[in-house]
Amino acid sequence: MKPVTALVAVLTICVGACDTQPAATAPGVSDAATPPAAAAALQRTPSPAGARVFFITPADGETVSNPVKIEFGIEGMAVARAGTEQPDSGHHHLLIDAGLPALDLPIPADANYIHFGDGSTSTEISLSPGSHTLRMLLGDYRHVPHDPPVTSDIITITVQ
């Protein structure tokens, strides 16, 4: 397979993963596969100085019940759907109980890395009772983190 054809295949898989929001009862369930680990590193899209993403709700340390309502905030950049190449823009990814993925590859799509390629800025998800960490990571039109990455602080919530 030619390198360009392989890249188009990987991006097609990723765009498909981001075009739907996960079901409220199954956070992170995606009908698309995670990009192959052997994918070549991609050129990262620059992010403007001072750009940031953050949680509007819930607050760090908050005790919540299901479904957990989450609102994403963004400053210094715009939200754009996956596949839309627009300067200083990207779409949200919610990391649940997970660290940052490789920064030079598309963000995985699984139960720990939820994509919001449709441009959503809020969601409701169900999580198992107990403590969970949440973090946001902005991805460019190809789902690749920006350079430097635009990521939120990690917050911890407790689900009753």
Protein backbone atom coordinates (compact mmCIF):
# COMPACT_ATOMS: atom_id res chain seq x y z
CA MET A 1 0.00 0.00 0.00
CA LYS A 2 1.36 3.43 -0.91
CA PRO A 3 2.15 5.76 2.06
CA VAL A 4 -0.46 8.32 0.93
CA THR A 5 -3.11 5.61 0.55
CA ALA A 6 -2.29 4.28 4.04
CA LEU A 7 -2.59 7.78 5.52
CA VAL A 8 -5.96 8.33 3.82
CA ALA A 9 -7.17 4.98 5.22
CA VAL A 10 -6.10 5.90 8.77
CA LEU A 11 -7.72 9.34 8.55
CA THR A 12 -10.94 7.85 7.16
CA ILE A 13 -11.13 5.50 10.15
CA CYS A 14 -10.48 8.37 12.59
CA VAL A 15 -13.03 10.74 11.03
CA GLY A 16 -15.65 8.00 11.24
CA ALA A 17 -14.86 7.52 14.93
CA CYS A 18 -15.41 11.18 15.70
CA ASP A 19 -18.65 11.81 13.87
CA THR A 20 -20.86 10.34 16.59
CA GLN A 21 -21.20 10.91 20.27
CA PRO A 22 -20.98 7.86 22.53
CA ALA A 23 -24.15 6.44 24.03
CA ALA A 24 -24.90 7.71 27.52
CA THR A 25 -24.79 4.20 28.92
CA ALA A 26 -21.57 3.14 27.21
CA PRO A 27 -18.86 5.81 27.45
CA GLY A 28 -16.13 5.45 24.91
CA VAL A 29 -17.83 2.82 22.79
CA SER A 30 -16.84 3.49 19.23
CA ASP A 31 -17.78 1.70 16.05
CA ALA A 32 -14.40 2.50 14.49
CA ALA A 33 -11.06 0.88 15.15
CA THR A 34 -8.16 2.62 16.82
CA PRO A 35 -5.57 3.70 14.25
CA PRO A 36 -2.81 1.12 13.75
CA ALA A 37 0.10 1.45 16.16
CA ALA A 38 2.45 1.22 13.20
CA ALA A 39 1.06 4.42 11.65
CA ALA A 40 3.75 6.92 10.77
CA ALA A 41 4.12 10.03 12.89
CA LEU A 42 2.19 12.97 11.45
CA GLN A 43 3.05 16.64 11.19
CA ARG A 44 1.32 18.40 14.08
CA THR A 45 -0.86 21.47 13.60
CA PRO A 46 0.39 24.50 15.56
CA SER A 47 -1.75 25.87 18.39
CA PRO A 48 -1.76 29.58 19.25
CA ALA A 49 -0.07 30.79 22.43
CA GLY A 50 -2.44 30.80 25.39
CA ALA A 51 -4.98 28.40 23.87
CA ARG A 52 -6.63 26.22 26.49
CA VAL A 53 -9.42 23.76 27.14
CA PHE A 54 -11.07 23.22 30.51
CA PHE A 55 -14.05 21.66 32.25
CA ILE A 56 -17.00 23.95 32.90
CA THR A 57 -18.66 21.05 34.74
CA PRO A 58 -18.02 18.94 36.71
CA ALA A 59 -15.62 20.59 39.13
CA ASP A 60 -12.48 18.92 40.40
CA GLY A 61 -13.31 16.87 43.50
CA GLU A 62 -17.06 16.91 42.85
CA THR A 63 -19.30 13.94 43.74
CA VAL A 64 -21.75 13.25 40.91
CA SER A 65 -24.36 10.69 39.90
CA ASN A 66 -25.10 9.06 36.56
CA PRO A 67 -25.49 10.23 33.96
CA VAL A 68 -22.50 12.51 34.49
CA LYS A 69 -23.02 15.85 32.75
CA ILE A 70 -19.82 17.24 31.27
CA GLU A 71 -19.38 20.65 29.64
CA PHE A 72 -16.19 21.54 27.77
CA GLY A 73 -14.74 25.04 27.65
CA ILE A 74 -12.24 26.45 25.17
CA GLU A 75 -10.35 29.75 24.87
CA GLY A 76 -8.02 31.04 22.17
CA MET A 77 -9.23 28.54 19.56
CA ALA A 78 -12.47 27.56 17.84
CA VAL A 79 -14.29 24.23 17.82
CA ALA A 80 -14.52 22.68 14.36
CA ARG A 81 -15.81 19.30 13.23
CA ALA A 82 -13.29 16.57 12.49
CA GLY A 83 -12.19 16.73 8.88
CA THR A 84 -12.61 20.52 8.74
CA GLU A 85 -9.17 22.07 8.22
CA GLN A 86 -9.41 25.53 9.74
CA PRO A 87 -6.60 27.53 11.40
CA ASP A 88 -6.62 27.69 15.21
CA SER A 89 -9.36 25.10 15.60
CA GLY A 90 -9.93 21.54 16.72
CA HIS A 91 -12.41 19.24 18.41
CA HIS A 92 -12.63 17.81 21.91
CA HIS A 93 -11.50 14.41 23.16
CA LEU A 94 -12.35 13.23 26.67
CA LEU A 95 -9.76 11.07 28.39
CA ILE A 96 -11.23 8.92 31.15
CA ASP A 97 -8.81 7.27 33.59
CA ALA A 98 -6.08 7.55 30.93
CA GLY A 99 -2.84 9.39 30.27
CA LEU A 100 -1.98 11.43 27.22
CA PRO A 101 -1.66 9.34 24.06
CA ALA A 102 1.22 9.63 21.58
CA LEU A 103 1.20 13.26 20.50
CA ASP A 104 2.29 12.65 16.90
CA LEU A 105 -0.43 10.12 16.02
CA PRO A 106 -4.24 10.31 15.85
CA ILE A 107 -5.85 10.05 19.29
CA PRO A 108 -7.12 6.50 19.95
CA ALA A 109 -10.87 5.84 19.99
CA ASP A 110 -11.86 3.46 22.77
CA ALA A 111 -13.48 3.41 26.22
CA ASN A 112 -10.79 5.71 27.62
CA TYR A 113 -10.49 8.15 24.69
CA ILE A 114 -13.88 9.50 23.62
CA HIS A 115 -14.02 11.61 20.44
CA PHE A 116 -16.36 14.54 19.82
CA GLY A 117 -15.62 15.04 16.13
CA ASP A 118 -19.12 16.35 15.57
CA GLY A 119 -18.06 19.55 17.35
CA SER A 120 -19.94 18.81 20.59
CA THR A 121 -19.07 20.89 23.62
CA SER A 122 -21.02 18.81 26.16
CA THR A 123 -22.06 15.24 26.84
CA GLU A 124 -23.68 12.93 29.36
CA ILE A 125 -21.96 9.64 30.17
CA SER A 126 -22.40 6.84 32.67
CA LEU A 127 -19.40 5.77 34.70
CA SER A 128 -18.99 3.00 37.25
CA PRO A 129 -19.27 4.07 40.89
CA GLY A 130 -16.03 5.28 42.40
CA SER A 131 -13.24 7.70 41.61
CA HIS A 132 -12.40 8.67 38.02
CA THR A 133 -9.92 11.06 36.42
CA LEU A 134 -10.99 13.19 33.47
CA ARG A 135 -8.84 15.21 31.09
CA MET A 136 -9.55 16.96 27.81
CA LEU A 137 -7.30 16.98 24.76
CA LEU A 138 -7.99 19.00 21.63
CA GLY A 139 -7.32 17.26 18.31
CA ASP A 140 -6.90 18.86 14.92
CA TYR A 141 -8.98 17.99 11.85
CA ARG A 142 -7.12 14.64 11.65
CA HIS A 143 -7.46 13.89 15.40
CA VAL A 144 -3.77 14.62 16.00
CA PRO A 145 -2.93 16.72 19.11
CA HIS A 146 -1.71 20.25 18.35
CA ASP A 147 1.84 21.52 18.90
CA PRO A 148 2.01 22.38 21.70
CA PRO A 149 -0.85 20.15 22.87
CA VAL A 150 -3.99 21.89 24.09
CA THR A 151 -5.00 19.92 27.15
CA SER A 152 -6.92 20.57 30.36
CA ASP A 153 -5.82 20.00 33.90
CA ILE A 154 -6.71 16.54 35.19
CA ILE A 155 -9.78 16.55 37.42
CA THR A 156 -10.96 13.80 39.73
CA ILE A 157 -14.66 13.09 40.29
CA THR A 158 -16.45 10.54 42.42
CA VAL A 159 -19.49 8.80 40.97
CA GLN A 160 -22.09 7.62 43.50
